[in-house]
């Protein structure tokens, strides 16, 4: 078709960023979100409302991902489920013949990682795992400084990211 049609699997806070990513991509590429999926109805309805506001069309909302993946008109799926589900969902998406963008961490067990990797390698699907800032200008500049040998021999790297707000809302500080 002439448009890339996406589904969003997992409708928590992170998926809001995925909708924004699609919105930005839509400025240059014919892409749209046509489906959202989450077990929790409140999250599912909230994300569907955001998609409708951004794209002007209400997406089909699914409670179970198997139903969403059965749609032949979905080209790709963006996964923002719980961390321990990423690899399993990625394997299911790829087996359904859809491209996949998956949040990190990719897997919590080697078994799940190997299963998802095998599914991706056996398919023609494109799979991308989120990398959070690794291609932003500042880490790229640091990488180039290191590669050029301008800072000497590197023996340890430590990175912090201060978001200047409560990182995990609702959780007690440790």
N, C-alpha and C. Protein backbone atom coordinates (compact mmCIF):
# COMPACT_ATOMS: atom_id res chain seq x y z
N UNK A 1 0.84 -1.19 0.00
CA UNK A 1 0.00 0.00 0.00
C UNK A 1 0.88 1.25 0.00
N UNK A 2 0.28 2.38 -0.08
CA UNK A 2 1.04 3.63 -0.15
C UNK A 2 1.24 4.29 1.22
N UNK A 3 0.75 3.66 2.28
CA UNK A 3 0.92 4.17 3.64
C UNK A 3 1.44 3.06 4.54
N UNK A 4 2.27 3.41 5.49
CA UNK A 4 2.72 2.47 6.50
C UNK A 4 1.70 2.52 7.63
N UNK A 5 1.15 1.37 7.93
CA UNK A 5 0.10 1.28 8.95
C UNK A 5 0.65 0.55 10.17
N UNK A 6 0.61 1.23 11.32
CA UNK A 6 1.21 0.70 12.53
C UNK A 6 0.19 0.36 13.61
N UNK A 7 0.56 -0.62 14.42
CA UNK A 7 -0.16 -0.95 15.63
C UNK A 7 0.76 -0.70 16.82
N UNK A 8 0.18 -0.34 17.95
CA UNK A 8 0.95 -0.12 19.17
C UNK A 8 0.55 -1.19 20.18
N UNK A 9 1.52 -1.96 20.61
CA UNK A 9 1.29 -3.02 21.58
C UNK A 9 1.85 -2.56 22.91
N UNK A 10 0.96 -2.36 23.87
CA UNK A 10 1.33 -1.77 25.15
C UNK A 10 1.00 -0.28 25.10
N UNK A 11 0.12 0.16 25.98
CA UNK A 11 -0.37 1.55 25.89
C UNK A 11 -0.08 2.35 27.16
N UNK A 12 0.97 2.01 27.85
CA UNK A 12 1.38 2.78 29.03
C UNK A 12 2.05 4.07 28.61
N UNK A 13 2.73 4.69 29.57
CA UNK A 13 3.34 5.99 29.33
C UNK A 13 4.32 5.98 28.15
N UNK A 14 5.14 4.95 28.03
CA UNK A 14 6.16 4.91 26.97
C UNK A 14 5.52 4.92 25.59
N UNK A 15 4.37 4.32 25.45
CA UNK A 15 3.74 4.28 24.12
C UNK A 15 3.28 5.67 23.67
N UNK A 16 3.08 6.57 24.62
CA UNK A 16 2.76 7.95 24.23
C UNK A 16 3.90 8.55 23.42
N UNK A 17 5.12 8.22 23.81
CA UNK A 17 6.28 8.65 23.04
C UNK A 17 6.33 8.02 21.67
N UNK A 18 5.86 6.80 21.57
CA UNK A 18 5.82 6.13 20.26
C UNK A 18 4.84 6.84 19.32
N UNK A 19 3.70 7.23 19.86
CA UNK A 19 2.74 7.96 19.03
C UNK A 19 3.38 9.26 18.55
N UNK A 20 4.10 9.93 19.43
CA UNK A 20 4.78 11.17 19.05
C UNK A 20 5.83 10.90 17.96
N UNK A 21 6.57 9.79 18.09
CA UNK A 21 7.56 9.43 17.07
C UNK A 21 6.89 9.24 15.71
N UNK A 22 5.74 8.59 15.70
CA UNK A 22 5.01 8.38 14.45
C UNK A 22 4.53 9.71 13.90
N UNK A 23 4.07 10.58 14.78
CA UNK A 23 3.62 11.91 14.36
C UNK A 23 4.76 12.67 13.68
N UNK A 24 5.95 12.63 14.27
CA UNK A 24 7.10 13.30 13.66
C UNK A 24 7.46 12.66 12.32
N UNK A 25 7.44 11.34 12.25
CA UNK A 25 7.77 10.65 11.00
C UNK A 25 6.76 10.96 9.92
N UNK A 26 5.51 11.18 10.31
CA UNK A 26 4.45 11.44 9.34
C UNK A 26 4.64 12.74 8.57
N UNK A 27 5.52 13.60 9.06
CA UNK A 27 5.82 14.84 8.34
C UNK A 27 6.52 14.57 7.02
N UNK A 28 7.25 13.44 6.95
CA UNK A 28 8.02 13.12 5.75
C UNK A 28 7.64 11.79 5.11
N UNK A 29 6.95 10.95 5.85
CA UNK A 29 6.63 9.60 5.38
C UNK A 29 5.14 9.34 5.58
N UNK A 30 4.50 8.72 4.63
CA UNK A 30 3.08 8.40 4.81
C UNK A 30 2.91 7.25 5.81
N UNK A 31 2.74 7.60 7.07
CA UNK A 31 2.62 6.62 8.14
C UNK A 31 1.49 7.02 9.07
N UNK A 32 0.82 6.02 9.64
CA UNK A 32 -0.27 6.29 10.57
C UNK A 32 -0.41 5.14 11.56
N UNK A 33 -1.00 5.44 12.69
CA UNK A 33 -1.31 4.42 13.68
C UNK A 33 -2.77 4.03 13.48
N UNK A 34 -3.00 2.74 13.26
CA UNK A 34 -4.36 2.26 12.99
C UNK A 34 -4.90 1.34 14.08
N UNK A 35 -4.04 0.95 15.04
CA UNK A 35 -4.49 0.04 16.09
C UNK A 35 -3.67 0.25 17.36
N UNK A 36 -4.33 0.08 18.49
CA UNK A 36 -3.66 0.09 19.79
C UNK A 36 -4.12 -1.16 20.55
N UNK A 37 -3.24 -1.65 21.42
CA UNK A 37 -3.57 -2.88 22.13
C UNK A 37 -2.99 -2.85 23.53
N UNK A 38 -3.83 -3.15 24.51
CA UNK A 38 -3.38 -3.26 25.88
C UNK A 38 -4.44 -4.03 26.66
N UNK A 39 -4.00 -4.85 27.60
CA UNK A 39 -4.96 -5.58 28.44
C UNK A 39 -5.79 -4.63 29.29
N UNK A 40 -5.18 -3.53 29.72
CA UNK A 40 -5.85 -2.59 30.62
C UNK A 40 -6.66 -1.60 29.80
N UNK A 41 -7.96 -1.60 30.01
CA UNK A 41 -8.86 -0.77 29.20
C UNK A 41 -8.57 0.72 29.35
N UNK A 42 -8.21 1.18 30.54
CA UNK A 42 -7.95 2.60 30.75
C UNK A 42 -6.76 3.06 29.90
N UNK A 43 -5.68 2.30 29.90
CA UNK A 43 -4.51 2.65 29.10
C UNK A 43 -4.84 2.59 27.61
N UNK A 44 -5.56 1.57 27.22
CA UNK A 44 -5.95 1.38 25.81
C UNK A 44 -6.80 2.56 25.32
N UNK A 45 -7.77 2.96 26.12
CA UNK A 45 -8.66 4.06 25.73
C UNK A 45 -7.91 5.40 25.69
N UNK A 46 -7.01 5.59 26.65
CA UNK A 46 -6.22 6.83 26.69
C UNK A 46 -5.34 6.95 25.44
N UNK A 47 -4.69 5.84 25.06
CA UNK A 47 -3.82 5.87 23.88
C UNK A 47 -4.65 6.04 22.61
N UNK A 48 -5.78 5.38 22.52
CA UNK A 48 -6.64 5.54 21.34
C UNK A 48 -7.08 6.98 21.19
N UNK A 49 -7.38 7.64 22.30
CA UNK A 49 -7.78 9.06 22.25
C UNK A 49 -6.63 9.93 21.76
N UNK A 50 -5.40 9.64 22.21
CA UNK A 50 -4.24 10.40 21.75
C UNK A 50 -4.05 10.21 20.25
N UNK A 51 -4.14 8.98 19.79
CA UNK A 51 -3.96 8.69 18.36
C UNK A 51 -5.02 9.41 17.54
N UNK A 52 -6.26 9.39 18.00
CA UNK A 52 -7.33 10.07 17.27
C UNK A 52 -7.07 11.57 17.21
N UNK A 53 -6.60 12.15 18.30
CA UNK A 53 -6.30 13.58 18.32
C UNK A 53 -5.17 13.92 17.35
N UNK A 54 -4.13 13.08 17.31
CA UNK A 54 -2.95 13.34 16.47
C UNK A 54 -3.23 13.09 15.00
N UNK A 55 -3.91 12.00 14.68
CA UNK A 55 -4.08 11.59 13.29
C UNK A 55 -5.48 11.83 12.73
N UNK A 56 -6.42 12.25 13.58
CA UNK A 56 -7.76 12.55 13.10
C UNK A 56 -8.61 11.34 12.79
N UNK A 57 -8.16 10.16 13.16
CA UNK A 57 -8.93 8.93 12.95
C UNK A 57 -8.75 8.04 14.16
N UNK A 58 -9.85 7.47 14.61
CA UNK A 58 -9.81 6.61 15.79
C UNK A 58 -9.23 5.26 15.40
N UNK A 59 -8.21 4.80 16.14
CA UNK A 59 -7.65 3.49 15.84
C UNK A 59 -8.55 2.39 16.40
N UNK A 60 -8.44 1.21 15.85
CA UNK A 60 -9.14 0.05 16.40
C UNK A 60 -8.40 -0.32 17.69
N UNK A 61 -9.15 -0.56 18.75
CA UNK A 61 -8.55 -0.89 20.04
C UNK A 61 -8.74 -2.38 20.33
N UNK A 62 -7.65 -3.02 20.74
CA UNK A 62 -7.66 -4.46 21.02
C UNK A 62 -7.21 -4.72 22.45
N UNK A 63 -7.85 -5.70 23.08
CA UNK A 63 -7.43 -6.14 24.40
C UNK A 63 -6.33 -7.19 24.28
N UNK A 64 -6.41 -8.05 23.28
CA UNK A 64 -5.46 -9.15 23.11
C UNK A 64 -4.63 -8.95 21.84
N UNK A 65 -3.32 -9.04 21.98
CA UNK A 65 -2.43 -8.75 20.86
C UNK A 65 -2.60 -9.73 19.70
N UNK A 66 -2.98 -10.95 19.98
CA UNK A 66 -3.18 -11.92 18.90
C UNK A 66 -4.24 -11.44 17.91
N UNK A 67 -5.27 -10.79 18.42
CA UNK A 67 -6.33 -10.25 17.55
C UNK A 67 -5.79 -9.12 16.68
N UNK A 68 -4.99 -8.24 17.26
CA UNK A 68 -4.40 -7.14 16.48
C UNK A 68 -3.45 -7.68 15.42
N UNK A 69 -2.63 -8.67 15.79
CA UNK A 69 -1.65 -9.22 14.84
C UNK A 69 -2.31 -9.98 13.70
N UNK A 70 -3.54 -10.39 13.87
CA UNK A 70 -4.25 -11.11 12.81
C UNK A 70 -4.68 -10.18 11.67
N UNK A 71 -4.62 -8.88 11.89
CA UNK A 71 -4.99 -7.93 10.84
C UNK A 71 -3.96 -7.94 9.72
N UNK A 72 -4.37 -8.22 8.50
CA UNK A 72 -3.41 -8.25 7.39
C UNK A 72 -2.94 -6.87 6.95
N UNK A 73 -3.66 -5.81 7.34
CA UNK A 73 -3.32 -4.47 6.87
C UNK A 73 -2.34 -3.73 7.78
N UNK A 74 -1.88 -4.36 8.84
CA UNK A 74 -0.90 -3.72 9.71
C UNK A 74 0.50 -4.11 9.23
N UNK A 75 1.33 -3.10 8.96
CA UNK A 75 2.68 -3.33 8.45
C UNK A 75 3.71 -3.52 9.55
N UNK A 76 3.54 -2.81 10.64
CA UNK A 76 4.52 -2.87 11.71
C UNK A 76 3.87 -2.63 13.06
N UNK A 77 4.58 -3.05 14.11
CA UNK A 77 4.08 -2.90 15.47
C UNK A 77 5.19 -2.30 16.33
N UNK A 78 4.79 -1.34 17.15
CA UNK A 78 5.71 -0.74 18.12
C UNK A 78 5.36 -1.30 19.49
N UNK A 79 6.35 -1.92 20.14
CA UNK A 79 6.12 -2.61 21.41
C UNK A 79 6.60 -1.77 22.58
N UNK A 80 5.69 -1.53 23.52
CA UNK A 80 6.02 -0.81 24.76
C UNK A 80 5.31 -1.50 25.93
N UNK A 81 5.44 -2.81 25.98
CA UNK A 81 4.84 -3.58 27.07
C UNK A 81 5.82 -3.65 28.23
N UNK A 82 5.52 -4.48 29.21
CA UNK A 82 6.42 -4.66 30.35
C UNK A 82 7.75 -5.25 29.87
N UNK A 83 8.84 -4.89 30.53
CA UNK A 83 10.17 -5.30 30.09
C UNK A 83 10.28 -6.80 29.87
N UNK A 84 9.71 -7.61 30.74
CA UNK A 84 9.87 -9.05 30.63
C UNK A 84 9.10 -9.64 29.44
N UNK A 85 8.25 -8.85 28.81
CA UNK A 85 7.46 -9.33 27.67
C UNK A 85 8.03 -8.95 26.31
N UNK A 86 8.99 -8.07 26.26
CA UNK A 86 9.48 -7.52 24.99
C UNK A 86 9.87 -8.60 23.98
N UNK A 87 10.74 -9.50 24.34
CA UNK A 87 11.22 -10.51 23.39
C UNK A 87 10.10 -11.43 22.94
N UNK A 88 9.26 -11.84 23.86
CA UNK A 88 8.14 -12.72 23.51
C UNK A 88 7.19 -12.04 22.53
N UNK A 89 6.89 -10.79 22.80
CA UNK A 89 6.00 -10.05 21.89
C UNK A 89 6.67 -9.79 20.55
N UNK A 90 7.97 -9.49 20.57
CA UNK A 90 8.70 -9.28 19.32
C UNK A 90 8.62 -10.54 18.44
N UNK A 91 8.84 -11.70 19.04
CA UNK A 91 8.76 -12.96 18.28
C UNK A 91 7.37 -13.14 17.69
N UNK A 92 6.33 -12.84 18.45
CA UNK A 92 4.96 -12.99 17.95
C UNK A 92 4.68 -12.02 16.80
N UNK A 93 5.16 -10.79 16.92
CA UNK A 93 4.96 -9.79 15.88
C UNK A 93 5.63 -10.23 14.58
N UNK A 94 6.87 -10.67 14.69
CA UNK A 94 7.62 -11.10 13.50
C UNK A 94 6.98 -12.33 12.87
N UNK A 95 6.56 -13.27 13.69
CA UNK A 95 5.89 -14.48 13.15
C UNK A 95 4.58 -14.13 12.45
N UNK A 96 3.98 -13.02 12.84
CA UNK A 96 2.74 -12.57 12.20
C UNK A 96 3.03 -11.82 10.90
N UNK A 97 4.32 -11.69 10.55
CA UNK A 97 4.68 -11.04 9.29
C UNK A 97 4.71 -9.53 9.33
N UNK A 98 4.95 -8.99 10.52
CA UNK A 98 4.99 -7.54 10.66
C UNK A 98 6.39 -7.09 11.12
N UNK A 99 6.79 -5.90 10.67
CA UNK A 99 8.03 -5.31 11.15
C UNK A 99 7.82 -4.90 12.60
N UNK A 100 8.93 -4.68 13.32
CA UNK A 100 8.81 -4.48 14.76
C UNK A 100 9.82 -3.46 15.28
N UNK A 101 9.33 -2.50 16.06
CA UNK A 101 10.19 -1.64 16.87
C UNK A 101 9.88 -2.03 18.30
N UNK A 102 10.91 -2.39 19.05
CA UNK A 102 10.72 -2.90 20.41
C UNK A 102 11.53 -2.08 21.40
N UNK A 103 10.91 -1.70 22.47
CA UNK A 103 11.62 -0.99 23.53
C UNK A 103 12.67 -1.88 24.16
N UNK A 104 13.65 -1.26 24.76
CA UNK A 104 14.65 -1.97 25.52
C UNK A 104 14.16 -2.11 26.96
N UNK A 105 14.65 -2.98 27.76
CA UNK A 105 15.57 -4.05 27.41
C UNK A 105 14.86 -5.09 26.56
N UNK A 106 15.62 -5.71 25.68
CA UNK A 106 15.03 -6.65 24.75
C UNK A 106 14.51 -7.90 25.44
N UNK A 107 15.28 -8.45 26.36
CA UNK A 107 14.86 -9.70 27.01
C UNK A 107 15.40 -9.78 28.42
N UNK A 108 14.68 -10.49 29.25
CA UNK A 108 15.13 -10.74 30.62
C UNK A 108 15.71 -12.14 30.78
N UNK A 109 15.58 -12.96 29.75
CA UNK A 109 16.16 -14.30 29.80
C UNK A 109 16.81 -14.61 28.46
N UNK A 110 17.86 -15.40 28.51
CA UNK A 110 18.56 -15.79 27.29
C UNK A 110 17.64 -16.62 26.40
N UNK A 111 16.81 -17.44 27.00
CA UNK A 111 15.86 -18.26 26.23
C UNK A 111 14.94 -17.39 25.38
N UNK A 112 14.36 -16.36 25.99
CA UNK A 112 13.46 -15.46 25.25
C UNK A 112 14.22 -14.71 24.16
N UNK A 113 15.43 -14.25 24.47
CA UNK A 113 16.23 -13.52 23.49
C UNK A 113 16.54 -14.41 22.29
N UNK A 114 16.94 -15.65 22.54
CA UNK A 114 17.27 -16.57 21.45
C UNK A 114 16.04 -16.91 20.61
N UNK A 115 14.90 -17.07 21.24
CA UNK A 115 13.67 -17.37 20.51
C UNK A 115 13.28 -16.21 19.58
N UNK A 116 13.35 -15.00 20.11
CA UNK A 116 12.99 -13.83 19.30
C UNK A 116 14.01 -13.62 18.18
N UNK A 117 15.27 -13.82 18.49
CA UNK A 117 16.31 -13.69 17.46
C UNK A 117 16.12 -14.70 16.35
N UNK A 118 15.80 -15.93 16.71
CA UNK A 118 15.56 -16.98 15.71
C UNK A 118 14.36 -16.62 14.84
N UNK A 119 13.31 -16.10 15.45
CA UNK A 119 12.13 -15.70 14.68
C UNK A 119 12.48 -14.59 13.70
N UNK A 120 13.26 -13.61 14.16
CA UNK A 120 13.64 -12.49 13.28
C UNK A 120 14.53 -12.97 12.14
N UNK A 121 15.51 -13.83 12.45
CA UNK A 121 16.43 -14.31 11.42
C UNK A 121 15.72 -15.19 10.39
N UNK A 122 14.66 -15.87 10.80
CA UNK A 122 13.93 -16.74 9.89
C UNK A 122 12.91 -15.97 9.04
N UNK A 123 12.78 -14.69 9.29
CA UNK A 123 11.79 -13.88 8.59
C UNK A 123 12.47 -12.88 7.67
N UNK A 124 11.64 -12.11 6.99
CA UNK A 124 12.14 -11.00 6.18
C UNK A 124 11.79 -9.67 6.85
N UNK A 125 11.37 -9.74 8.10
CA UNK A 125 10.91 -8.55 8.81
C UNK A 125 12.07 -7.71 9.31
N UNK A 126 11.82 -6.42 9.43
CA UNK A 126 12.76 -5.48 10.02
C UNK A 126 12.46 -5.42 11.51
N UNK A 127 13.51 -5.57 12.33
CA UNK A 127 13.36 -5.49 13.78
C UNK A 127 14.37 -4.47 14.29
N UNK A 128 13.91 -3.54 15.09
CA UNK A 128 14.79 -2.55 15.71
C UNK A 128 14.48 -2.49 17.19
N UNK A 129 15.55 -2.44 17.99
CA UNK A 129 15.41 -2.33 19.43
C UNK A 129 15.77 -0.91 19.83
N UNK A 130 14.99 -0.33 20.71
CA UNK A 130 15.26 1.03 21.18
C UNK A 130 16.63 1.14 21.82
N UNK A 131 17.27 2.28 21.65
CA UNK A 131 18.62 2.47 22.17
C UNK A 131 18.76 3.68 23.07
N UNK A 132 17.74 4.48 23.22
CA UNK A 132 17.72 5.63 24.12
C UNK A 132 18.98 6.48 24.06
N UNK A 133 19.00 7.42 23.22
CA UNK A 133 20.02 8.48 23.14
C UNK A 133 21.35 8.07 22.52
N UNK A 134 21.54 6.85 22.10
CA UNK A 134 22.85 6.44 21.60
C UNK A 134 23.23 7.13 20.30
N UNK A 135 22.27 7.66 19.57
CA UNK A 135 22.60 8.37 18.33
C UNK A 135 22.40 9.87 18.46
N UNK A 136 22.18 10.34 19.67
CA UNK A 136 22.07 11.77 19.91
C UNK A 136 23.44 12.41 19.71
N UNK A 137 23.51 13.71 19.48
CA UNK A 137 24.80 14.36 19.22
C UNK A 137 25.83 14.20 20.33
N UNK A 138 25.43 14.27 21.60
CA UNK A 138 26.45 14.23 22.66
C UNK A 138 27.12 12.86 22.80
N UNK A 139 26.43 11.70 22.77
CA UNK A 139 27.19 10.45 22.84
C UNK A 139 28.01 10.19 21.57
N UNK A 140 27.52 10.65 20.44
CA UNK A 140 28.29 10.49 19.19
C UNK A 140 29.58 11.30 19.28
N UNK A 141 29.52 12.52 19.83
CA UNK A 141 30.71 13.35 19.97
C UNK A 141 31.72 12.70 20.93
N UNK A 142 31.22 12.13 22.02
CA UNK A 142 32.11 11.45 22.97
C UNK A 142 32.77 10.25 22.30
N UNK A 143 31.99 9.48 21.56
CA UNK A 143 32.54 8.33 20.84
C UNK A 143 33.66 8.75 19.90
N UNK A 144 33.47 9.85 19.19
CA UNK A 144 34.48 10.32 18.25
C UNK A 144 35.75 10.80 18.98
N UNK A 145 35.58 11.43 20.15
CA UNK A 145 36.75 11.82 20.96
C UNK A 145 37.56 10.60 21.37
N UNK A 146 36.86 9.56 21.78
CA UNK A 146 37.53 8.33 22.20
C UNK A 146 38.22 7.67 21.03
N UNK A 147 37.52 7.52 19.91
CA UNK A 147 38.10 6.88 18.72
C UNK A 147 39.32 7.63 18.20
N UNK A 148 39.30 8.94 18.31
CA UNK A 148 40.41 9.75 17.82
C UNK A 148 41.60 9.73 18.78
N UNK A 149 41.42 9.14 19.96
CA UNK A 149 42.49 9.09 20.94
C UNK A 149 42.78 10.42 21.61
N UNK A 150 41.85 11.35 21.53
CA UNK A 150 42.09 12.71 22.06
C UNK A 150 42.02 12.79 23.58
N UNK A 151 41.49 11.76 24.23
CA UNK A 151 41.39 11.83 25.70
C UNK A 151 42.24 10.76 26.38
N UNK A 152 43.07 10.07 25.63
CA UNK A 152 43.92 9.05 26.22
C UNK A 152 43.22 7.72 26.33
N UNK A 153 43.85 6.81 27.05
CA UNK A 153 43.33 5.46 27.21
C UNK A 153 42.12 5.48 28.15
N UNK A 154 41.02 4.92 27.71
CA UNK A 154 39.81 4.87 28.52
C UNK A 154 39.83 3.60 29.36
N UNK A 155 39.69 3.75 30.67
CA UNK A 155 39.70 2.58 31.55
C UNK A 155 38.34 2.35 32.21
N UNK A 156 37.49 3.36 32.19
CA UNK A 156 36.16 3.20 32.78
C UNK A 156 35.24 4.27 32.20
N UNK A 157 34.00 3.88 31.96
CA UNK A 157 32.99 4.83 31.49
C UNK A 157 31.80 4.73 32.43
N UNK A 158 31.33 5.86 32.87
CA UNK A 158 30.15 5.93 33.72
C UNK A 158 29.29 7.05 33.17
N UNK A 159 28.00 6.81 33.09
CA UNK A 159 27.10 7.83 32.56
C UNK A 159 25.91 7.98 33.49
N UNK A 160 25.49 9.20 33.71
CA UNK A 160 24.30 9.47 34.49
C UNK A 160 23.37 10.34 33.67
N UNK A 161 22.10 10.23 33.97
CA UNK A 161 21.12 11.03 33.28
C UNK A 161 20.15 11.58 34.31
N UNK A 162 20.20 12.86 34.55
CA UNK A 162 19.33 13.49 35.52
C UNK A 162 18.16 14.12 34.78
N UNK A 163 16.99 13.58 34.99
CA UNK A 163 15.81 14.09 34.29
C UNK A 163 15.13 15.23 35.05
N UNK A 164 15.71 15.61 36.22
CA UNK A 164 15.25 16.74 36.99
C UNK A 164 13.78 16.65 37.38
N UNK A 165 13.36 15.43 37.68
CA UNK A 165 12.00 15.20 38.18
C UNK A 165 11.96 13.80 38.77
N UNK A 166 10.86 13.49 39.44
CA UNK A 166 10.71 12.13 39.95
C UNK A 166 10.82 11.14 38.81
N UNK A 167 11.74 10.21 38.87
CA UNK A 167 11.94 9.26 37.76
C UNK A 167 10.83 8.22 37.72
N UNK A 168 10.49 7.65 38.85
CA UNK A 168 9.45 6.61 38.87
C UNK A 168 8.32 7.10 39.77
N UNK A 169 7.41 7.83 39.18
CA UNK A 169 6.29 8.38 39.94
C UNK A 169 5.54 7.29 40.69
N UNK A 170 5.21 7.58 41.92
CA UNK A 170 4.42 6.64 42.70
C UNK A 170 5.26 5.60 43.43
N UNK A 171 6.55 5.54 43.15
CA UNK A 171 7.42 4.59 43.85
C UNK A 171 8.20 5.32 44.92
N UNK A 172 8.40 4.65 46.02
CA UNK A 172 9.16 5.25 47.11
C UNK A 172 10.61 5.41 46.70
N UNK A 173 11.23 6.49 47.14
CA UNK A 173 12.65 6.73 46.85
C UNK A 173 13.48 5.72 47.61
N UNK A 174 14.54 5.26 46.99
CA UNK A 174 15.40 4.27 47.63
C UNK A 174 16.57 4.95 48.30
